[in-house]
Amino acid sequence: MTSINNDVVFPAIYARTEDGFQVGLTVADKGQVHFTVDSPCVRHSEVADSTSQATAFLAPDAELIPRPNIHSDFWSATGS
Protein backbone atom coordinates (compact mmCIF):
# COMPACT_ATOMS: atom_id res chain seq x y z
CA MET A 1 0.00 0.00 0.00
CA THR A 2 1.38 3.39 -0.91
CA SER A 3 -1.44 5.53 0.47
CA ILE A 4 -4.82 5.25 2.17
CA ASN A 5 -7.29 8.12 2.45
CA ASN A 6 -9.72 7.37 5.28
CA ASP A 7 -12.00 10.29 4.43
CA VAL A 8 -15.62 9.47 5.33
CA VAL A 9 -17.02 11.00 2.12
CA PHE A 10 -14.21 10.44 -0.41
CA PRO A 11 -12.14 7.41 0.67
CA ALA A 12 -9.31 6.07 -1.49
CA ILE A 13 -6.61 3.42 -1.47
CA TYR A 14 -3.48 3.15 -3.62
CA ALA A 15 -1.00 0.31 -4.03
CA ARG A 16 2.15 -0.47 -6.04
CA THR A 17 3.94 -3.76 -6.69
CA GLU A 18 7.72 -4.17 -6.58
CA ASP A 19 7.85 -4.29 -10.38
CA GLY A 20 5.98 -0.99 -10.83
CA PHE A 21 2.33 -1.87 -11.37
CA GLN A 22 0.02 0.57 -9.56
CA VAL A 23 -3.70 0.53 -8.76
CA GLY A 24 -5.98 3.07 -7.15
CA LEU A 25 -9.57 2.87 -5.96
CA THR A 26 -11.29 6.15 -5.14
CA VAL A 27 -14.85 7.12 -4.26
CA ALA A 28 -15.89 10.45 -5.73
CA ASP A 29 -18.91 12.74 -5.71
CA LYS A 30 -22.33 11.05 -5.43
CA GLY A 31 -20.75 7.62 -4.94
CA GLN A 32 -18.94 7.39 -8.27
CA VAL A 33 -16.11 4.88 -8.00
CA HIS A 34 -12.90 5.17 -10.01
CA PHE A 35 -10.46 2.29 -10.49
CA THR A 36 -7.14 3.21 -12.10
CA VAL A 37 -4.31 0.96 -13.19
CA ASP A 38 -0.82 1.96 -14.26
CA SER A 39 1.50 -0.52 -15.93
CA PRO A 40 5.26 -0.18 -16.45
CA CYS A 41 5.01 -2.51 -19.46
CA VAL A 42 3.34 -0.23 -21.99
CA ARG A 43 4.43 2.72 -24.05
CA HIS A 44 2.52 6.00 -24.19
CA SER A 45 0.28 6.30 -27.23
CA GLU A 46 -2.17 8.89 -28.49
CA VAL A 47 -5.87 8.30 -27.86
CA ALA A 48 -7.87 8.18 -31.08
CA ASP A 49 -10.87 10.46 -31.54
CA SER A 50 -14.27 8.83 -31.20
CA THR A 51 -15.66 7.38 -34.43
CA SER A 52 -19.28 8.04 -33.38
CA GLN A 53 -21.24 11.00 -32.11
CA ALA A 54 -22.43 11.15 -28.49
CA THR A 55 -25.99 9.89 -28.06
CA ALA A 56 -26.95 12.07 -25.08
CA PHE A 57 -28.34 15.55 -25.60
CA LEU A 58 -25.93 18.31 -24.64
CA ALA A 59 -27.14 21.89 -24.77
CA PRO A 60 -24.92 24.05 -27.01
CA ASP A 61 -24.22 26.44 -24.12
CA ALA A 62 -23.53 23.69 -21.55
CA GLU A 63 -20.25 24.05 -19.66
CA LEU A 64 -20.23 20.52 -18.20
CA ILE A 65 -21.42 17.12 -19.33
CA PRO A 66 -24.50 16.25 -17.23
CA ARG A 67 -24.48 13.31 -14.82
CA PRO A 68 -26.04 10.11 -16.19
CA ASN A 69 -29.70 9.72 -15.29
CA ILE A 70 -30.37 6.20 -16.56
CA HIS A 71 -31.54 3.58 -14.03
CA SER A 72 -30.37 -0.02 -14.27
CA ASP A 73 -31.99 -2.67 -12.08
CA PHE A 74 -28.59 -4.39 -11.92
CA TRP A 75 -26.13 -1.47 -11.53
CA SER A 76 -28.14 1.31 -9.89
CA ALA A 77 -28.26 1.79 -6.13
CA THR A 78 -31.58 1.40 -4.37
CA GLY A 79 -30.98 4.32 -2.02
CA SER A 80 -31.13 2.22 1.14
PDB file of N, CA and C in Angstrom:
ATOM      1  N   MET A   1       0.836  -1.161   0.000  1.00  0.00           N
ATOM      2  CA  MET A   1       0.000   0.000   0.000  1.00  0.00           C
ATOM      3  C   MET A   1       0.890   1.237   0.000  1.00  0.00           C
ATOM      4  N   THR A   2       0.595   2.158  -0.883  1.00  0.00           N
ATOM      5  CA  THR A   2       1.378   3.394  -0.910  1.00  0.00           C
ATOM      6  C   THR A   2       0.661   4.530  -0.202  1.00  0.00           C
ATOM      7  N   SER A   3      -0.686   4.468  -0.180  1.00  0.00           N
ATOM      8  CA  SER A   3      -1.435   5.530   0.468  1.00  0.00           C
ATOM      9  C   SER A   3      -2.865   5.078   0.717  1.00  0.00           C
ATOM     10  N   ILE A   4      -3.419   5.520   1.840  1.00  0.00           N
ATOM     11  CA  ILE A   4      -4.819   5.255   2.166  1.00  0.00           C
ATOM     12  C   ILE A   4      -5.429   6.570   2.635  1.00  0.00           C
ATOM     13  N   ASN A   5      -6.559   6.928   2.036  1.00  0.00           N
ATOM     14  CA  ASN A   5      -7.287   8.117   2.445  1.00  0.00           C
ATOM     15  C   ASN A   5      -8.539   7.639   3.173  1.00  0.00           C
ATOM     16  N   ASN A   6      -8.603   7.837   4.473  1.00  0.00           N
ATOM     17  CA  ASN A   6      -9.725   7.372   5.283  1.00  0.00           C
ATOM     18  C   ASN A   6     -10.872   8.367   5.351  1.00  0.00           C
ATOM     19  N   ASP A   7     -10.942   9.297   4.428  1.00  0.00           N
ATOM     20  CA  ASP A   7     -11.999  10.289   4.431  1.00  0.00           C
ATOM     21  C   ASP A   7     -13.369   9.601   4.415  1.00  0.00           C
ATOM     22  N   VAL A   8     -14.297  10.077   5.221  1.00  0.00           N
ATOM     23  CA  VAL A   8     -15.623   9.468   5.327  1.00  0.00           C
ATOM     24  C   VAL A   8     -16.409   9.618   4.027  1.00  0.00           C
ATOM     25  N   VAL A   9     -16.251  10.741   3.336  1.00  0.00           N
ATOM     26  CA  VAL A   9     -17.015  11.002   2.120  1.00  0.00           C
ATOM     27  C   VAL A   9     -16.293  10.531   0.870  1.00  0.00           C
ATOM     28  N   PHE A  10     -14.980  10.769   0.789  1.00  0.00           N
ATOM     29  CA  PHE A  10     -14.210  10.438  -0.410  1.00  0.00           C
ATOM     30  C   PHE A  10     -13.017   9.537  -0.076  1.00  0.00           C
ATOM     31  N   PRO A  11     -13.255   8.294   0.335  1.00  0.00           N
ATOM     32  CA  PRO A  11     -12.135   7.409   0.668  1.00  0.00           C
ATOM     33  C   PRO A  11     -11.380   6.959  -0.583  1.00  0.00           C
ATOM     34  N   ALA A  12     -10.132   6.551  -0.375  1.00  0.00           N
ATOM     35  CA  ALA A  12      -9.315   6.067  -1.490  1.00  0.00           C
ATOM     36  C   ALA A  12      -8.212   5.168  -0.951  1.00  0.00           C
ATOM     37  N   ILE A  13      -7.737   4.282  -1.825  1.00  0.00           N
ATOM     38  CA  ILE A  13      -6.611   3.424  -1.470  1.00  0.00           C
ATOM     39  C   ILE A  13      -5.744   3.251  -2.718  1.00  0.00           C
ATOM     40  N   TYR A  14      -4.429   3.263  -2.518  1.00  0.00           N
ATOM     41  CA  TYR A  14      -3.477   3.151  -3.621  1.00  0.00           C
ATOM     42  C   TYR A  14      -2.418   2.110  -3.267  1.00  0.00           C
ATOM     43  N   ALA A  15      -2.000   1.350  -4.265  1.00  0.00           N
ATOM     44  CA  ALA A  15      -0.995   0.306  -4.030  1.00  0.00           C
ATOM     45  C   ALA A  15      -0.058   0.215  -5.231  1.00  0.00           C
ATOM     46  N   ARG A  16       1.169  -0.282  -4.973  1.00  0.00           N
ATOM     47  CA  ARG A  16       2.155  -0.472  -6.035  1.00  0.00           C
ATOM     48  C   ARG A  16       2.901  -1.774  -5.766  1.00  0.00           C
ATOM     49  N   THR A  17       3.163  -2.538  -6.824  1.00  0.00           N
ATOM     50  CA  THR A  17       3.944  -3.757  -6.692  1.00  0.00           C
ATOM     51  C   THR A  17       5.422  -3.422  -6.823  1.00  0.00           C
ATOM     52  N   GLU A  18       6.279  -4.375  -6.479  1.00  0.00           N
ATOM     53  CA  GLU A  18       7.724  -4.168  -6.577  1.00  0.00           C
ATOM     54  C   GLU A  18       8.179  -3.917  -8.005  1.00  0.00           C
ATOM     55  N   ASP A  19       7.445  -4.479  -8.988  1.00  0.00           N
ATOM     56  CA  ASP A  19       7.850  -4.289 -10.376  1.00  0.00           C
ATOM     57  C   ASP A  19       7.144  -3.113 -11.058  1.00  0.00           C
ATOM     58  N   GLY A  20       6.468  -2.247 -10.291  1.00  0.00           N
ATOM     59  CA  GLY A  20       5.976  -0.986 -10.825  1.00  0.00           C
ATOM     60  C   GLY A  20       4.524  -0.904 -11.223  1.00  0.00           C
ATOM     61  N   PHE A  21       3.757  -1.967 -11.078  1.00  0.00           N
ATOM     62  CA  PHE A  21       2.332  -1.873 -11.367  1.00  0.00           C
ATOM     63  C   PHE A  21       1.656  -1.102 -10.232  1.00  0.00           C
ATOM     64  N   GLN A  22       0.700  -0.229 -10.579  1.00  0.00           N
ATOM     65  CA  GLN A  22       0.020   0.566  -9.564  1.00  0.00           C
ATOM     66  C   GLN A  22      -1.491   0.493  -9.778  1.00  0.00           C
ATOM     67  N   VAL A  23      -2.248   0.485  -8.692  1.00  0.00           N
ATOM     68  CA  VAL A  23      -3.702   0.532  -8.760  1.00  0.00           C
ATOM     69  C   VAL A  23      -4.211   1.559  -7.753  1.00  0.00           C
ATOM     70  N   GLY A  24      -5.337   2.134  -8.059  1.00  0.00           N
ATOM     71  CA  GLY A  24      -5.976   3.072  -7.154  1.00  0.00           C
ATOM     72  C   GLY A  24      -7.481   2.875  -7.192  1.00  0.00           C
ATOM     73  N   LEU A  25      -8.121   2.973  -6.061  1.00  0.00           N
ATOM     74  CA  LEU A  25      -9.571   2.869  -5.962  1.00  0.00           C
ATOM     75  C   LEU A  25     -10.041   4.084  -5.166  1.00  0.00           C
ATOM     76  N   THR A  26     -10.819   4.942  -5.799  1.00  0.00           N
ATOM     77  CA  THR A  26     -11.291   6.151  -5.138  1.00  0.00           C
ATOM     78  C   THR A  26     -12.804   6.259  -5.252  1.00  0.00           C
ATOM     79  N   VAL A  27     -13.426   6.826  -4.230  1.00  0.00           N
ATOM     80  CA  VAL A  27     -14.851   7.119  -4.260  1.00  0.00           C
ATOM     81  C   VAL A  27     -14.983   8.618  -4.422  1.00  0.00           C
ATOM     82  N   ALA A  28     -15.759   9.034  -5.414  1.00  0.00           N
ATOM     83  CA  ALA A  28     -15.887  10.453  -5.732  1.00  0.00           C
ATOM     84  C   ALA A  28     -17.295  10.955  -5.405  1.00  0.00           C
ATOM     85  N   ASP A  29     -17.631  12.096  -5.947  1.00  0.00           N
ATOM     86  CA  ASP A  29     -18.908  12.744  -5.710  1.00  0.00           C
ATOM     87  C   ASP A  29     -20.086  11.833  -6.071  1.00  0.00           C
ATOM     88  N   LYS A  30     -21.085  11.815  -5.235  1.00  0.00           N
ATOM     89  CA  LYS A  30     -22.330  11.054  -5.433  1.00  0.00           C
ATOM     90  C   LYS A  30     -22.075   9.560  -5.574  1.00  0.00           C
ATOM     91  N   GLY A  31     -21.017   9.045  -4.952  1.00  0.00           N
ATOM     92  CA  GLY A  31     -20.750   7.616  -4.935  1.00  0.00           C
ATOM     93  C   GLY A  31     -20.096   7.053  -6.181  1.00  0.00           C
ATOM     94  N   GLN A  32     -19.649   7.896  -7.094  1.00  0.00           N
ATOM     95  CA  GLN A  32     -18.944   7.386  -8.268  1.00  0.00           C
ATOM     96  C   GLN A  32     -17.646   6.740  -7.805  1.00  0.00           C
ATOM     97  N   VAL A  33     -17.319   5.601  -8.381  1.00  0.00           N
ATOM     98  CA  VAL A  33     -16.108   4.878  -8.005  1.00  0.00           C
ATOM     99  C   VAL A  33     -15.172   4.848  -9.209  1.00  0.00           C
ATOM    100  N   HIS A  34     -13.904   5.150  -8.953  1.00  0.00           N
ATOM    101  CA  HIS A  34     -12.902   5.167 -10.013  1.00  0.00           C
ATOM    102  C   HIS A  34     -11.814   4.151  -9.678  1.00  0.00           C
ATOM    103  N   PHE A  35     -11.513   3.283 -10.638  1.00  0.00           N
ATOM    104  CA  PHE A  35     -10.462   2.285 -10.493  1.00  0.00           C
ATOM    105  C   PHE A  35      -9.419   2.584 -11.561  1.00  0.00           C
ATOM    106  N   THR A  36      -8.203   2.890 -11.142  1.00  0.00           N
ATOM    107  CA  THR A  36      -7.144   3.209 -12.096  1.00  0.00           C
ATOM    108  C   THR A  36      -6.024   2.194 -11.997  1.00  0.00           C
ATOM    109  N   VAL A  37      -5.417   1.918 -13.124  1.00  0.00           N
ATOM    110  CA  VAL A  37      -4.309   0.965 -13.186  1.00  0.00           C
ATOM    111  C   VAL A  37      -3.199   1.577 -14.032  1.00  0.00           C
ATOM    112  N   ASP A  38      -1.997   1.522 -13.524  1.00  0.00           N
ATOM    113  CA  ASP A  38      -0.815   1.961 -14.264  1.00  0.00           C
ATOM    114  C   ASP A  38       0.116   0.774 -14.425  1.00  0.00           C
ATOM    115  N   SER A  39       0.621   0.601 -15.634  1.00  0.00           N
ATOM    116  CA  SER A  39       1.497  -0.518 -15.925  1.00  0.00           C
ATOM    117  C   SER A  39       2.843  -0.016 -16.432  1.00  0.00           C
ATOM    118  N   PRO A  40       3.950  -0.577 -15.944  1.00  0.00           N
ATOM    119  CA  PRO A  40       5.262  -0.180 -16.454  1.00  0.00           C
ATOM    120  C   PRO A  40       5.580  -0.829 -17.793  1.00  0.00           C
ATOM    121  N   CYS A  41       4.700  -1.690 -18.280  1.00  0.00           N
ATOM    122  CA  CYS A  41       5.013  -2.508 -19.456  1.00  0.00           C
ATOM    123  C   CYS A  41       4.460  -1.951 -20.768  1.00  0.00           C
ATOM    124  N   VAL A  42       3.911  -0.764 -20.757  1.00  0.00           N
ATOM    125  CA  VAL A  42       3.340  -0.232 -21.987  1.00  0.00           C
ATOM    126  C   VAL A  42       3.991   1.100 -22.329  1.00  0.00           C
ATOM    127  N   ARG A  43       3.919   1.443 -23.594  1.00  0.00           N
ATOM    128  CA  ARG A  43       4.428   2.717 -24.045  1.00  0.00           C
ATOM    129  C   ARG A  43       3.274   3.698 -24.216  1.00  0.00           C
ATOM    130  N   HIS A  44       3.533   4.965 -24.002  1.00  0.00           N
ATOM    131  CA  HIS A  44       2.522   6.004 -24.190  1.00  0.00           C
ATOM    132  C   HIS A  44       2.086   6.028 -25.645  1.00  0.00           C
ATOM    133  N   SER A  45       0.793   6.167 -25.872  1.00  0.00           N
ATOM    134  CA  SER A  45       0.282   6.304 -27.227  1.00  0.00           C
ATOM    135  C   SER A  45      -0.849   7.322 -27.222  1.00  0.00           C
ATOM    136  N   GLU A  46      -1.096   7.910 -28.352  1.00  0.00           N
ATOM    137  CA  GLU A  46      -2.170   8.888 -28.487  1.00  0.00           C
ATOM    138  C   GLU A  46      -3.514   8.171 -28.441  1.00  0.00           C
ATOM    139  N   VAL A  47      -4.513   8.849 -27.901  1.00  0.00           N
ATOM    140  CA  VAL A  47      -5.868   8.300 -27.863  1.00  0.00           C
ATOM    141  C   VAL A  47      -6.589   8.775 -29.116  1.00  0.00           C
ATOM    142  N   ALA A  48      -7.177   7.841 -29.842  1.00  0.00           N
ATOM    143  CA  ALA A  48      -7.871   8.182 -31.079  1.00  0.00           C
ATOM    144  C   ALA A  48      -9.176   8.910 -30.767  1.00  0.00           C
ATOM    145  N   ASP A  49      -9.575   9.800 -31.675  1.00  0.00           N
ATOM    146  CA  ASP A  49     -10.866  10.459 -31.539  1.00  0.00           C
ATOM    147  C   ASP A  49     -11.980   9.439 -31.714  1.00  0.00           C
ATOM    148  N   SER A  50     -13.121   9.713 -31.094  1.00  0.00           N
ATOM    149  CA  SER A  50     -14.267   8.826 -31.199  1.00  0.00           C
ATOM    150  C   SER A  50     -14.730   8.740 -32.652  1.00  0.00           C
ATOM    151  N   THR A  51     -15.162   7.558 -33.070  1.00  0.00           N
ATOM    152  CA  THR A  51     -15.658   7.382 -34.430  1.00  0.00           C
ATOM    153  C   THR A  51     -17.162   7.566 -34.515  1.00  0.00           C
ATOM    154  N   SER A  52     -17.827   7.825 -33.372  1.00  0.00           N
ATOM    155  CA  SER A  52     -19.276   8.035 -33.383  1.00  0.00           C
ATOM    156  C   SER A  52     -19.621   9.267 -32.548  1.00  0.00           C
ATOM    157  N   GLN A  53     -20.764   9.841 -32.840  1.00  0.00           N
ATOM    158  CA  GLN A  53     -21.243  10.997 -32.105  1.00  0.00           C
ATOM    159  C   GLN A  53     -21.830  10.556 -30.767  1.00  0.00           C
ATOM    160  N   ALA A  54     -21.804  11.436 -29.784  1.00  0.00           N
ATOM    161  CA  ALA A  54     -22.432  11.154 -28.493  1.00  0.00           C
ATOM    162  C   ALA A  54     -23.937  11.004 -28.687  1.00  0.00           C
ATOM    163  N   THR A  55     -24.551  10.129 -27.913  1.00  0.00           N
ATOM    164  CA  THR A  55     -25.987   9.894 -28.057  1.00  0.00           C
ATOM    165  C   THR A  55     -26.817  10.725 -27.090  1.00  0.00           C
ATOM    166  N   ALA A  56     -26.212  11.266 -26.050  1.00  0.00           N
ATOM    167  CA  ALA A  56     -26.951  12.070 -25.083  1.00  0.00           C
ATOM    168  C   ALA A  56     -27.034  13.513 -25.562  1.00  0.00           C
ATOM    169  N   PHE A  57     -28.165  14.156 -25.240  1.00  0.00           N
ATOM    170  CA  PHE A  57     -28.335  15.554 -25.600  1.00  0.00           C
ATOM    171  C   PHE A  57     -27.423  16.413 -24.739  1.00  0.00           C
ATOM    172  N   LEU A  58     -26.760  17.354 -25.359  1.00  0.00           N
ATOM    173  CA  LEU A  58     -25.929  18.306 -24.637  1.00  0.00           C
ATOM    174  C   LEU A  58     -26.249  19.688 -25.189  1.00  0.00           C
ATOM    175  N   ALA A  59     -26.780  20.546 -24.341  1.00  0.00           N
ATOM    176  CA  ALA A  59     -27.138  21.891 -24.771  1.00  0.00           C
ATOM    177  C   ALA A  59     -25.905  22.599 -25.331  1.00  0.00           C
ATOM    178  N   PRO A  60     -26.069  23.365 -26.400  1.00  0.00           N
ATOM    179  CA  PRO A  60     -24.918  24.047 -27.013  1.00  0.00           C
ATOM    180  C   PRO A  60     -24.173  24.961 -26.053  1.00  0.00           C
ATOM    181  N   ASP A  61     -24.868  25.524 -25.058  1.00  0.00           N
ATOM    182  CA  ASP A  61     -24.219  26.436 -24.122  1.00  0.00           C
ATOM    183  C   ASP A  61     -23.796  25.751 -22.823  1.00  0.00           C
ATOM    184  N   ALA A  62     -23.879  24.425 -22.764  1.00  0.00           N
ATOM    185  CA  ALA A  62     -23.527  23.689 -21.546  1.00  0.00           C
ATOM    186  C   ALA A  62     -22.028  23.775 -21.291  1.00  0.00           C
ATOM    187  N   GLU A  63     -21.660  23.994 -20.024  1.00  0.00           N
ATOM    188  CA  GLU A  63     -20.250  24.048 -19.662  1.00  0.00           C
ATOM    189  C   GLU A  63     -19.731  22.686 -19.227  1.00  0.00           C
ATOM    190  N   LEU A  64     -20.617  21.838 -18.685  1.00  0.00           N
ATOM    191  CA  LEU A  64     -20.226  20.520 -18.196  1.00  0.00           C
ATOM    192  C   LEU A  64     -21.131  19.454 -18.795  1.00  0.00           C
ATOM    193  N   ILE A  65     -20.604  18.254 -18.905  1.00  0.00           N
ATOM    194  CA  ILE A  65     -21.425  17.119 -19.328  1.00  0.00           C
ATOM    195  C   ILE A  65     -22.309  16.733 -18.153  1.00  0.00           C
ATOM    196  N   PRO A  66     -23.618  16.572 -18.359  1.00  0.00           N
ATOM    197  CA  PRO A  66     -24.500  16.245 -17.230  1.00  0.00           C
ATOM    198  C   PRO A  66     -24.240  14.845 -16.689  1.00  0.00           C
ATOM    199  N   ARG A  67     -24.597  14.639 -15.425  1.00  0.00           N
ATOM    200  CA  ARG A  67     -24.476  13.310 -14.822  1.00  0.00           C
ATOM    201  C   ARG A  67     -25.460  12.350 -15.501  1.00  0.00           C
ATOM    202  N   PRO A  68     -25.103  11.082 -15.606  1.00  0.00           N
ATOM    203  CA  PRO A  68     -26.036  10.108 -16.188  1.00  0.00           C
ATOM    204  C   PRO A  68     -27.314  10.033 -15.351  1.00  0.00           C
ATOM    205  N   ASN A  69     -28.432   9.827 -16.008  1.00  0.00           N
ATOM    206  CA  ASN A  69     -29.696   9.715 -15.292  1.00  0.00           C
ATOM    207  C   ASN A  69     -30.479   8.474 -15.741  1.00  0.00           C
ATOM    208  N   ILE A  70     -29.755   7.443 -16.106  1.00  0.00           N
ATOM    209  CA  ILE A  70     -30.374   6.199 -16.558  1.00  0.00           C
ATOM    210  C   ILE A  70     -30.330   5.190 -15.423  1.00  0.00           C
ATOM    211  N   HIS A  71     -31.474   4.570 -15.112  1.00  0.00           N
ATOM    212  CA  HIS A  71     -31.538   3.579 -14.033  1.00  0.00           C
ATOM    213  C   HIS A  71     -31.358   2.178 -14.606  1.00  0.00           C
ATOM    214  N   SER A  72     -30.556   1.381 -13.929  1.00  0.00           N
ATOM    215  CA  SER A  72     -30.369  -0.021 -14.271  1.00  0.00           C
ATOM    216  C   SER A  72     -30.732  -0.846 -13.050  1.00  0.00           C
ATOM    217  N   ASP A  73     -31.614  -1.822 -13.212  1.00  0.00           N
ATOM    218  CA  ASP A  73     -31.992  -2.666 -12.082  1.00  0.00           C
ATOM    219  C   ASP A  73     -30.768  -3.413 -11.525  1.00  0.00           C
ATOM    220  N   PHE A  74     -29.773  -3.660 -12.365  1.00  0.00           N
ATOM    221  CA  PHE A  74     -28.585  -4.388 -11.923  1.00  0.00           C
ATOM    222  C   PHE A  74     -27.564  -3.451 -11.301  1.00  0.00           C
ATOM    223  N   TRP A  75     -27.235  -2.322 -11.959  1.00  0.00           N
ATOM    224  CA  TRP A  75     -26.127  -1.473 -11.534  1.00  0.00           C
ATOM    225  C   TRP A  75     -26.526  -0.330 -10.599  1.00  0.00           C
ATOM    226  N   SER A  76     -27.746   0.131 -10.654  1.00  0.00           N
ATOM    227  CA  SER A  76     -28.143   1.314  -9.894  1.00  0.00           C
ATOM    228  C   SER A  76     -28.395   0.997  -8.415  1.00  0.00           C
ATOM    229  N   ALA A  77     -28.031   1.940  -7.563  1.00  0.00           N
ATOM    230  CA  ALA A  77     -28.260   1.788  -6.126  1.00  0.00           C
ATOM    231  C   ALA A  77     -29.750   1.949  -5.832  1.00  0.00           C
ATOM    232  N   THR A  78     -30.184   1.318  -4.753  1.00  0.00           N
ATOM    233  CA  THR A  78     -31.582   1.401  -4.374  1.00  0.00           C
ATOM    234  C   THR A  78     -31.851   2.566  -3.426  1.00  0.00           C
ATOM    235  N   GLY A  79     -30.820   3.185  -2.913  1.00  0.00           N
ATOM    236  CA  GLY A  79     -30.984   4.316  -2.020  1.00  0.00           C
ATOM    237  C   GLY A  79     -31.138   3.919  -0.560  1.00  0.00           C
ATOM    238  N   SER A  80     -30.999   2.646  -0.259  1.00  0.00           N
ATOM    239  CA  SER A  80     -31.135   2.222   1.139  1.00  0.00           C
ATOM    240  C   SER A  80     -29.794   2.043   1.802  1.00  0.00           C
TER     241      SER A  80
END
